[in-house]
Amino acid sequence: MPRQPVVTPSAPAAIGPYSQAVVAGRTVYTSGQIPLDPATGQLVEGDIAAQARRVFDNLHAVCAAAGGDFSHVARVGIYLADLADFAAVNAVMAEYFSAPYPARSTIGVAALPKGARVEVDLVLQLD
């Protein structure tokens, strides 16, 4: 079965040679989202919670364009420029997901594109 790219104007356009997400069979792999406003392409202002909400809103739009939602998410990958932001991002994630929660990894990184403080990618399984 061929891979199908996912494209939606409700999330930021890719800033490189990649798709917002790819559907392979019934599995959707999203690219990492940073807190870009889809209308302006600019990094949102505010604290880490505001940045994390923008990231999860962007990912929600990509999931919807792929035919799913956060209840279909099997795995979350979180990348933080400062691991001191872990608790705040964890609290924001709890606003978007409910039990049974997806698997997750959180990784501290030296830097993220455009100076973002958080990037998140998802893997979801469509029904």
Protein backbone atom coordinates (compact mmCIF):
# COMPACT_ATOMS: atom_id res chain seq x y z
CA MET A 1 0.00 0.00 0.00
CA PRO A 2 1.54 3.36 -0.99
CA ARG A 3 2.20 6.11 1.52
CA GLN A 4 -0.19 9.06 1.39
CA PRO A 5 0.90 12.53 2.48
CA VAL A 6 -1.35 14.56 4.77
CA VAL A 7 -1.66 18.28 4.10
CA THR A 8 -3.87 20.78 5.90
CA PRO A 9 -3.83 24.59 5.95
CA SER A 10 -5.01 24.37 9.59
CA ALA A 11 -1.45 23.52 10.64
CA PRO A 12 1.82 25.17 9.63
CA ALA A 13 3.18 24.18 6.24
CA ALA A 14 6.32 22.08 6.28
CA ILE A 15 9.47 24.24 6.46
CA GLY A 16 11.58 21.64 4.67
CA PRO A 17 11.39 18.61 2.37
CA TYR A 18 8.84 16.63 4.40
CA SER A 19 5.09 16.19 4.81
CA GLN A 20 2.99 17.30 7.78
CA ALA A 21 2.20 13.59 8.15
CA VAL A 22 2.20 10.37 6.16
CA VAL A 23 -0.42 7.63 6.22
CA ALA A 24 1.07 4.17 5.73
CA GLY A 25 -1.65 1.54 5.83
CA ARG A 26 -3.77 2.46 8.87
CA THR A 27 -0.88 4.12 10.71
CA VAL A 28 -0.27 7.87 10.65
CA TYR A 29 3.18 9.29 11.38
CA THR A 30 3.21 13.03 12.00
CA SER A 31 6.25 15.17 11.51
CA GLY A 32 7.37 17.15 14.51
CA GLN A 33 5.38 20.30 15.12
CA ILE A 34 6.86 23.37 16.73
CA PRO A 35 4.67 26.23 18.01
CA LEU A 36 4.14 28.03 14.71
CA ASP A 37 0.95 29.95 14.07
CA PRO A 38 -0.47 28.35 10.89
CA ALA A 39 -1.78 31.72 9.66
CA THR A 40 1.52 33.60 9.95
CA GLY A 41 4.19 30.91 10.05
CA GLN A 42 5.69 32.71 13.04
CA LEU A 43 6.57 31.26 16.43
CA VAL A 44 3.83 32.05 18.95
CA GLU A 45 4.72 34.28 21.85
CA GLY A 46 4.24 33.34 25.46
CA ASP A 47 5.43 30.86 28.01
CA ILE A 48 6.08 27.15 27.49
CA ALA A 49 2.41 26.34 28.17
CA ALA A 50 1.30 28.66 25.35
CA GLN A 51 3.88 27.12 23.03
CA ALA A 52 2.83 23.58 23.97
CA ARG A 53 -0.87 24.38 23.39
CA ARG A 54 -0.06 25.70 19.91
CA VAL A 55 1.90 22.52 19.16
CA PHE A 56 -0.96 20.26 20.29
CA ASP A 57 -3.51 22.39 18.39
CA ASN A 58 -1.38 22.04 15.24
CA LEU A 59 -1.11 18.29 15.75
CA HIS A 60 -4.85 18.02 16.34
CA ALA A 61 -5.41 19.65 12.93
CA VAL A 62 -2.99 17.22 11.25
CA CYS A 63 -4.68 14.25 12.93
CA ALA A 64 -8.10 15.45 11.76
CA ALA A 65 -6.83 15.87 8.20
CA ALA A 66 -5.60 12.27 8.34
CA GLY A 67 -9.01 11.05 9.53
CA GLY A 68 -8.20 10.62 13.21
CA ASP A 69 -8.03 12.41 16.52
CA PHE A 70 -6.07 12.23 19.75
CA SER A 71 -7.98 9.13 20.88
CA HIS A 72 -6.16 7.28 18.06
CA VAL A 73 -2.66 8.30 19.23
CA ALA A 74 -0.46 5.37 20.23
CA ARG A 75 2.81 7.24 20.83
CA VAL A 76 3.90 10.80 21.58
CA GLY A 77 7.47 12.06 21.20
CA ILE A 78 8.27 15.30 23.03
CA TYR A 79 11.51 17.24 22.50
CA LEU A 80 12.35 19.99 24.97
CA ALA A 81 15.09 22.60 24.72
CA ASP A 82 14.97 22.78 28.54
CA LEU A 83 13.95 19.75 30.62
CA ALA A 84 12.89 22.18 33.36
CA ASP A 85 9.77 22.66 31.17
CA PHE A 86 8.80 18.98 31.61
CA ALA A 87 6.11 19.55 34.26
CA ALA A 88 4.46 22.43 32.39
CA VAL A 89 4.34 20.51 29.10
CA ASN A 90 3.07 17.44 30.96
CA ALA A 91 0.20 19.53 32.37
CA VAL A 92 -0.70 20.83 28.92
CA MET A 93 -0.61 17.32 27.45
CA ALA A 94 -3.10 16.25 30.14
CA GLU A 95 -5.54 18.85 28.73
CA TYR A 96 -5.51 17.12 25.33
CA PHE A 97 -5.36 13.40 26.18
CA SER A 98 -7.39 11.12 28.41
CA ALA A 99 -6.93 7.56 29.65
CA PRO A 100 -5.87 5.23 28.29
CA TYR A 101 -2.91 7.51 27.61
CA PRO A 102 -0.54 6.94 24.70
CA ALA A 103 3.03 5.81 25.21
CA ARG A 104 5.45 8.73 25.39
CA SER A 105 9.08 9.68 25.41
CA THR A 106 10.48 13.06 26.39
CA ILE A 107 13.94 13.99 25.21
CA GLY A 108 16.06 16.99 26.08
CA VAL A 109 17.72 18.55 23.05
CA ALA A 110 20.33 21.26 22.54
CA ALA A 111 18.12 23.35 20.24
CA LEU A 112 14.96 23.24 18.12
CA PRO A 113 14.08 24.91 14.81
CA LYS A 114 13.38 28.65 14.92
CA GLY A 115 14.31 28.78 18.61
CA ALA A 116 11.21 26.86 19.72
CA ARG A 117 11.19 25.46 23.25
CA VAL A 118 9.11 22.38 22.40
CA GLU A 119 8.50 20.04 19.47
CA VAL A 120 6.12 17.08 19.42
CA ASP A 121 5.44 14.25 16.98
CA LEU A 122 2.79 11.53 17.08
CA VAL A 123 2.03 8.06 15.78
CA LEU A 124 -1.64 7.15 15.53
CA GLN A 125 -3.61 4.15 14.41
CA LEU A 126 -6.77 4.75 12.41
CA ASP A 127 -9.81 2.53 12.94
